[in-house]
Amino acid sequence: MPGEGRNRSAGKQPWRLVRGLACSLALCSVITAQVMLFDRGLQPGADTATSLTVRLPAGSEGFIGDEFTVGEPGESWVIDAVRTWAVQPPDRAAPTVALADLFDKISLYGGLASDPPSKDEVVCGCHALPALSRDGHVSAVSGAPESARPRGVWQVDFDSLRWSVPGGVRLQFGVEAEGRGGAHVWFNHVSATKAAHRLRVFGPTAMLESWLDEPASISVQVWGHLMARVKVETVAAGCRVTLFGQGAVDIHRIDVTSLRFGPAGVRPSSSTLQASDDAGGPALVLTFPSVLNALPPGPVSLCLSGLRADGVPFEGCDLVDATARPRPSQ
């Protein structure tokens, strides 16, 4: 496991409710829960006096990155949130100075792990690590009373990412911060490792340039949910949704009472187990009161969400035409 963190996606894991509606002409769903997929979190007792940190070598531009994995091979996951930590720069360690006072914009970059391009390789912008969010939220470390919070260590959260990733594959990430009113240096909080660990050095254009060998990994926690395969059809009675029993979503081991569909989170009015689907596996066929009349005309991606029996959340979406079903006369 990269950096000695814990891949926590198998089995029942800590999860959190995320109340609210994610809806646009491209997507309409109710995200109900996130499960912790990877945990290399802040260790107890960390503060500016005891924390390990890593920063770019002097004179360099860009940011430091690391890697993690989620899930198992063959699974599909959506990463909803990433949390990491930063340590107050030593020259700005006054208690009245907050990290948010020193940096204007905090960005998260992420993608599939790769090696730096070789000397003979043609380099283009396609090799740059894409920005997943430029809206990092800085706050005091959560989960501890104020008197026990680590001094000079700040929590950085990136939410609403919807970063689709394959399970069991190495993923790389990094945080870049732009100094406010001067060139402040970003210090990543890291966790000690038993052996040397290879961190990643990204240049000012988010290109992976080199390695940095340190006995530490960047502290990070990752939350998300599984992706399931579904088919949504409009029928006279409303919508029929077929949940296919493939990959990590075993239809024999889901909590049927947790199933919700569309922007209003409608419960199924009926469910039928189908012995085989169009791919030769089992499927669960669900019917729902129509949700189309509440949507504007045109194509829309409607989503089914729910929980496996072990509490791991999943979601599946399919594109339908909201004008396909006749609407009530005005």
Protein backbone atom coordinates (compact mmCIF):
# COMPACT_ATOMS: atom_id res chain seq x y z
CA MET A 1 0.00 0.00 0.00
CA PRO A 2 1.50 3.35 -1.01
CA GLY A 3 2.78 5.27 1.98
CA GLU A 4 1.48 2.70 4.47
CA GLY A 5 -2.04 4.13 4.58
CA ARG A 6 -5.12 1.96 4.94
CA ASN A 7 -7.40 1.14 2.04
CA ARG A 8 -10.71 1.01 3.92
CA SER A 9 -13.21 0.38 1.13
CA ALA A 10 -13.68 -3.35 1.84
CA GLY A 11 -16.22 -4.14 4.54
CA LYS A 12 -18.14 -1.84 6.86
CA GLN A 13 -16.29 1.45 7.33
CA PRO A 14 -16.81 4.87 8.89
CA TRP A 15 -19.17 6.89 6.74
CA ARG A 16 -20.80 10.27 6.84
CA LEU A 17 -24.12 11.65 5.67
CA VAL A 18 -24.09 14.28 2.98
CA ARG A 19 -27.50 15.89 2.88
CA GLY A 20 -28.40 17.87 -0.19
CA LEU A 21 -29.25 17.69 -3.84
CA ALA A 22 -26.84 17.49 -6.73
CA CYS A 23 -28.87 18.50 -9.76
CA SER A 24 -28.31 20.02 -13.18
CA LEU A 25 -29.41 19.27 -16.72
CA ALA A 26 -26.61 16.71 -16.79
CA LEU A 27 -27.15 15.06 -13.41
CA CYS A 28 -29.94 14.65 -10.89
CA SER A 29 -29.36 12.58 -7.78
CA VAL A 30 -29.45 12.60 -4.00
CA ILE A 31 -26.04 11.76 -2.54
CA THR A 32 -26.80 10.14 0.81
CA ALA A 33 -23.50 8.90 2.20
CA GLN A 34 -19.77 8.65 1.74
CA VAL A 35 -17.50 5.93 3.04
CA MET A 36 -13.87 6.43 4.00
CA LEU A 37 -11.84 4.77 1.25
CA PHE A 38 -8.31 5.54 2.40
CA ASP A 39 -6.98 6.62 5.78
CA ARG A 40 -3.55 8.08 6.35
CA GLY A 41 -4.89 10.67 8.72
CA LEU A 42 -3.42 13.00 11.28
CA GLN A 43 -1.83 11.15 14.18
CA PRO A 44 -2.64 12.11 17.80
CA GLY A 45 -0.26 14.60 19.36
CA ALA A 46 0.72 16.34 16.15
CA ASP A 47 1.59 20.04 16.38
CA THR A 48 4.19 22.44 15.05
CA ALA A 49 6.72 21.17 17.58
CA THR A 50 6.37 17.48 16.72
CA SER A 51 4.90 17.37 13.18
CA LEU A 52 6.87 16.08 10.24
CA THR A 53 6.64 18.31 7.16
CA VAL A 54 7.78 18.30 3.56
CA ARG A 55 8.16 21.21 1.17
CA LEU A 56 9.56 21.89 -2.27
CA PRO A 57 13.34 22.15 -2.50
CA ALA A 58 14.55 25.75 -2.19
CA GLY A 59 14.21 27.68 -5.44
CA SER A 60 11.68 25.26 -6.95
CA GLU A 61 8.18 26.08 -8.24
CA GLY A 62 5.22 23.72 -8.21
CA PHE A 63 4.12 21.34 -5.47
CA ILE A 64 4.82 18.02 -3.75
CA GLY A 65 2.59 15.02 -4.43
CA ASP A 66 2.03 11.48 -3.21
CA GLU A 67 -0.19 8.50 -4.02
CA PHE A 68 -2.87 6.18 -2.63
CA THR A 69 -5.22 3.43 -3.82
CA VAL A 70 -8.91 2.79 -3.18
CA GLY A 71 -10.96 -0.37 -3.54
CA GLU A 72 -10.06 -3.54 -5.38
CA PRO A 73 -9.31 -4.30 -9.05
CA GLY A 74 -12.46 -4.42 -11.15
CA GLU A 75 -14.36 -1.91 -9.00
CA SER A 76 -15.34 1.64 -10.00
CA TRP A 77 -15.35 4.38 -7.37
CA VAL A 78 -16.22 8.06 -7.22
CA ILE A 79 -14.08 10.08 -4.83
CA ASP A 80 -16.29 12.75 -3.28
CA ALA A 81 -13.94 14.36 -0.77
CA VAL A 82 -10.24 14.56 0.09
CA ARG A 83 -8.78 15.88 3.34
CA THR A 84 -5.16 16.73 3.92
CA TRP A 85 -3.26 18.91 6.37
CA ALA A 86 -0.70 21.70 6.27
CA VAL A 87 1.64 23.08 8.90
CA GLN A 88 2.09 26.77 9.65
CA PRO A 89 5.26 28.15 8.03
CA PRO A 90 7.92 28.59 10.73
CA ASP A 91 8.23 32.32 9.96
CA ARG A 92 4.46 32.78 10.36
CA ALA A 93 3.87 30.77 13.50
CA ALA A 94 2.13 33.51 15.54
CA PRO A 95 -1.08 32.16 17.14
CA THR A 96 -3.08 35.05 15.62
CA VAL A 97 -2.09 34.08 12.05
CA ALA A 98 -4.28 31.51 10.30
CA LEU A 99 -3.20 29.52 7.26
CA ALA A 100 -6.07 31.03 5.25
CA ASP A 101 -4.54 34.47 5.88
CA LEU A 102 -1.36 33.44 4.04
CA PHE A 103 -2.73 31.77 0.90
CA ASP A 104 -5.26 32.99 -1.68
CA LYS A 105 -6.14 29.81 -3.57
CA ILE A 106 -5.56 26.19 -2.58
CA SER A 107 -5.91 23.64 -5.39
CA LEU A 108 -6.08 19.85 -5.46
CA TYR A 109 -4.60 17.96 -8.41
CA GLY A 110 -5.13 14.27 -9.07
CA GLY A 111 -4.98 11.47 -11.62
CA LEU A 112 -3.62 8.01 -12.36
CA ALA A 113 -0.07 7.52 -11.06
CA SER A 114 2.71 7.70 -13.62
CA ASP A 115 6.47 8.12 -13.86
CA PRO A 116 8.25 11.29 -14.95
CA PRO A 117 8.72 11.43 -18.75
CA SER A 118 12.02 10.06 -19.99
CA LYS A 119 14.60 12.24 -21.70
CA ASP A 120 13.60 10.85 -25.10
CA GLU A 121 9.85 11.16 -24.55
CA VAL A 122 7.93 13.94 -26.28
CA VAL A 123 6.31 16.03 -23.53
CA CYS A 124 3.00 17.80 -24.03
CA GLY A 125 0.37 19.41 -21.82
CA CYS A 126 -1.54 16.12 -21.80
CA HIS A 127 0.99 14.82 -19.26
CA ALA A 128 0.06 17.52 -16.73
CA LEU A 129 -1.88 16.47 -13.64
CA PRO A 130 -5.41 17.94 -13.90
CA ALA A 131 -6.84 20.24 -11.25
CA LEU A 132 -9.77 18.58 -9.45
CA SER A 133 -10.65 21.58 -7.28
CA ARG A 134 -9.38 25.11 -6.73
CA ASP A 135 -11.53 25.64 -3.67
CA GLY A 136 -9.71 24.11 -0.72
CA HIS A 137 -11.34 25.01 2.59
CA VAL A 138 -8.98 25.63 5.51
CA SER A 139 -10.17 25.13 9.07
CA ALA A 140 -8.97 24.12 12.51
CA VAL A 141 -8.41 20.39 12.97
CA SER A 142 -11.78 18.72 13.63
CA GLY A 143 -12.59 15.85 15.97
CA ALA A 144 -10.88 17.26 19.06
CA PRO A 145 -11.76 19.88 21.69
CA GLU A 146 -10.12 23.26 21.19
CA SER A 147 -7.72 22.68 24.09
CA ALA A 148 -6.46 19.46 22.43
CA ARG A 149 -6.13 20.74 18.87
CA PRO A 150 -2.62 20.57 17.45
CA ARG A 151 -0.84 23.91 17.35
CA GLY A 152 -0.05 25.28 13.93
CA VAL A 153 -1.62 22.37 12.02
CA TRP A 154 -4.51 23.18 9.70
CA GLN A 155 -7.05 20.94 8.03
CA VAL A 156 -7.65 21.38 4.29
CA ASP A 157 -10.85 19.93 2.78
CA PHE A 158 -11.82 19.49 -0.85
CA ASP A 159 -15.49 18.53 -1.30
CA SER A 160 -17.90 17.75 -4.16
CA LEU A 161 -15.09 16.34 -6.32
CA ARG A 162 -16.90 13.53 -8.20
CA TRP A 163 -13.49 12.11 -9.20
CA SER A 164 -14.13 8.78 -11.00
CA VAL A 165 -11.33 6.26 -10.44
CA PRO A 166 -10.76 2.51 -10.94
CA GLY A 167 -10.30 0.34 -7.87
CA GLY A 168 -6.92 -1.13 -6.96
CA VAL A 169 -4.98 1.35 -9.12
CA ARG A 170 -2.34 3.78 -7.86
CA LEU A 171 -3.59 7.36 -7.85
CA GLN A 172 -1.39 10.43 -7.49
CA PHE A 173 -2.39 13.74 -5.93
CA GLY A 174 -0.92 17.00 -4.76
CA VAL A 175 -1.91 20.34 -3.22
CA GLU A 176 -0.76 23.67 -4.62
CA ALA A 177 -1.24 26.95 -2.76
CA GLU A 178 -0.78 30.51 -3.99
CA GLY A 179 0.73 32.83 -1.40
CA ARG A 180 -1.15 35.97 -0.42
CA GLY A 181 0.87 39.18 -0.33
CA GLY A 182 4.17 37.36 -0.77
CA ALA A 183 5.83 34.06 -1.57
CA HIS A 184 4.77 31.98 1.42
CA VAL A 185 5.96 28.37 1.42
CA TRP A 186 3.42 25.52 1.70
CA PHE A 187 4.38 22.83 4.22
CA ASN A 188 2.55 19.51 3.74
CA HIS A 189 1.92 17.54 6.91
CA VAL A 190 3.35 14.03 6.52
CA SER A 191 3.23 10.74 8.42
CA ALA A 192 6.41 8.81 9.15
CA THR A 193 7.03 5.56 7.25
CA LYS A 194 9.23 2.64 8.26
CA ALA A 195 11.28 2.91 5.09
CA ALA A 196 12.12 5.55 2.52
CA HIS A 197 9.09 6.60 0.49
CA ARG A 198 9.09 8.19 -2.94
CA LEU A 199 7.22 11.49 -3.01
CA ARG A 200 6.50 13.27 -6.29
CA VAL A 201 7.76 16.68 -7.37
CA PHE A 202 5.46 18.52 -9.79
CA GLY A 203 6.57 21.62 -11.67
CA PRO A 204 4.68 24.93 -12.08
CA THR A 205 2.58 23.47 -14.93
CA ALA A 206 1.61 20.39 -12.83
CA MET A 207 3.98 18.13 -14.78
CA LEU A 208 5.65 15.32 -12.80
CA GLU A 209 9.34 16.20 -12.92
CA SER A 210 11.21 14.14 -10.33
CA TRP A 211 11.12 12.13 -7.11
CA LEU A 212 11.84 13.11 -3.52
CA ASP A 213 12.87 10.20 -1.28
CA GLU A 214 11.77 10.77 2.31
CA PRO A 215 10.82 8.43 5.20
CA ALA A 216 7.32 9.92 5.18
CA SER A 217 4.01 10.11 3.25
CA ILE A 218 1.64 13.04 2.87
CA SER A 219 -1.19 12.74 5.39
CA VAL A 220 -4.51 12.26 3.59
CA GLN A 221 -8.01 10.85 4.02
CA VAL A 222 -10.34 10.00 1.13
CA TRP A 223 -14.14 9.51 1.03
CA GLY A 224 -16.35 8.30 -1.79
CA HIS A 225 -18.90 5.83 -3.07
CA LEU A 226 -19.14 2.89 -5.49
CA MET A 227 -20.45 3.21 -9.02
CA ALA A 228 -23.08 0.69 -10.11
CA ARG A 229 -24.42 -0.12 -13.58
CA VAL A 230 -28.07 0.79 -14.09
CA LYS A 231 -30.53 1.23 -16.96
CA VAL A 232 -33.38 3.75 -16.65
CA GLU A 233 -36.47 3.47 -18.85
CA THR A 234 -39.63 5.53 -18.97
CA VAL A 235 -42.81 3.45 -18.73
CA ALA A 236 -46.50 4.16 -18.33
CA ALA A 237 -46.32 3.75 -14.58
CA GLY A 238 -43.30 5.99 -14.23
CA CYS A 239 -39.66 4.91 -14.39
CA ARG A 240 -38.27 1.39 -14.46
CA VAL A 241 -34.70 1.06 -13.19
CA THR A 242 -32.62 -2.07 -13.69
CA LEU A 243 -29.74 -2.48 -11.24
CA PHE A 244 -27.25 -4.96 -12.67
CA GLY A 245 -25.49 -7.34 -10.29
CA GLN A 246 -21.95 -6.80 -11.46
CA GLY A 247 -18.64 -5.99 -9.79
CA ALA A 248 -18.74 -4.86 -6.18
CA VAL A 249 -22.51 -4.30 -6.13
CA ASP A 250 -24.02 -7.72 -5.40
CA ILE A 251 -27.79 -7.33 -5.69
CA HIS A 252 -28.25 -10.16 -3.18
CA ARG A 253 -26.36 -8.10 -0.58
CA ILE A 254 -27.85 -4.64 -0.81
CA ASP A 255 -30.17 -2.83 1.60
CA VAL A 256 -33.31 -2.46 -0.53
CA THR A 257 -34.82 -0.05 2.02
CA SER A 258 -31.97 2.40 1.33
CA LEU A 259 -32.68 2.75 -2.42
CA ARG A 260 -33.56 6.25 -3.62
CA PHE A 261 -34.06 7.56 -7.14
CA GLY A 262 -33.99 10.94 -8.83
CA PRO A 263 -33.72 14.46 -7.40
CA ALA A 264 -36.53 13.89 -4.88
CA GLY A 265 -35.07 10.68 -3.50
CA VAL A 266 -38.12 8.57 -4.41
CA ARG A 267 -38.45 5.08 -2.87
CA PRO A 268 -39.24 2.12 -5.17
CA SER A 269 -42.88 1.08 -5.33
CA SER A 270 -41.90 -2.47 -6.31
CA SER A 271 -38.82 -4.61 -6.86
CA THR A 272 -38.33 -7.86 -8.79
CA LEU A 273 -35.29 -10.10 -8.92
CA GLN A 274 -34.40 -11.03 -12.47
CA ALA A 275 -32.42 -14.23 -12.98
CA SER A 276 -30.30 -12.87 -15.83
CA ASP A 277 -29.76 -9.52 -17.47
CA ASP A 278 -28.51 -8.62 -20.94
CA ALA A 279 -24.96 -9.42 -19.77
CA GLY A 280 -25.92 -12.83 -18.38
CA GLY A 281 -25.92 -11.92 -14.67
CA PRO A 282 -28.65 -11.27 -12.07
CA ALA A 283 -30.46 -7.94 -11.94
CA LEU A 284 -32.90 -6.12 -9.68
CA VAL A 285 -35.77 -4.40 -11.53
CA LEU A 286 -37.31 -1.45 -9.66
CA THR A 287 -40.30 0.75 -10.42
CA PHE A 288 -40.69 4.33 -9.22
CA PRO A 289 -43.41 6.95 -9.42
CA SER A 290 -42.50 9.27 -12.26
CA VAL A 291 -39.94 11.95 -11.53
CA LEU A 292 -39.93 13.36 -15.06
CA ASN A 293 -42.76 15.86 -14.59
CA ALA A 294 -40.69 17.76 -12.03
CA LEU A 295 -37.80 18.19 -14.47
CA PRO A 296 -37.32 20.58 -17.39
CA PRO A 297 -37.67 19.02 -20.85
CA GLY A 298 -34.60 17.53 -22.46
CA PRO A 299 -31.92 14.93 -21.71
CA VAL A 300 -31.10 14.38 -18.05
CA SER A 301 -29.03 11.82 -16.17
CA LEU A 302 -31.11 10.25 -13.40
CA CYS A 303 -29.39 8.36 -10.62
CA LEU A 304 -30.18 5.50 -8.26
CA SER A 305 -28.40 5.51 -4.90
CA GLY A 306 -28.32 3.06 -2.01
CA LEU A 307 -26.22 1.09 0.44
CA ARG A 308 -24.73 -2.36 0.36
CA ALA A 309 -25.58 -4.54 3.34
CA ASP A 310 -22.20 -3.63 4.88
CA GLY A 311 -22.99 0.11 4.68
CA VAL A 312 -20.89 0.98 1.61
CA PRO A 313 -22.81 3.51 -0.52
CA PHE A 314 -23.25 3.15 -4.27
CA GLU A 315 -24.75 5.15 -7.12
CA GLY A 316 -25.67 4.41 -10.74
CA CYS A 317 -26.81 6.89 -13.38
CA ASP A 318 -28.33 6.69 -16.84
CA LEU A 319 -29.36 9.28 -19.43
CA VAL A 320 -33.05 9.62 -20.29
CA ASP A 321 -35.15 12.13 -22.22
CA ALA A 322 -37.39 14.01 -19.82
CA THR A 323 -39.73 14.87 -22.70
CA ALA A 324 -40.31 11.24 -23.69
CA ARG A 325 -43.27 10.69 -21.35
CA PRO A 326 -46.50 12.64 -21.94
CA ARG A 327 -47.06 15.38 -19.40
CA PRO A 328 -50.36 16.28 -17.71
CA SER A 329 -52.40 18.88 -19.57
CA GLN A 330 -52.12 22.41 -18.19
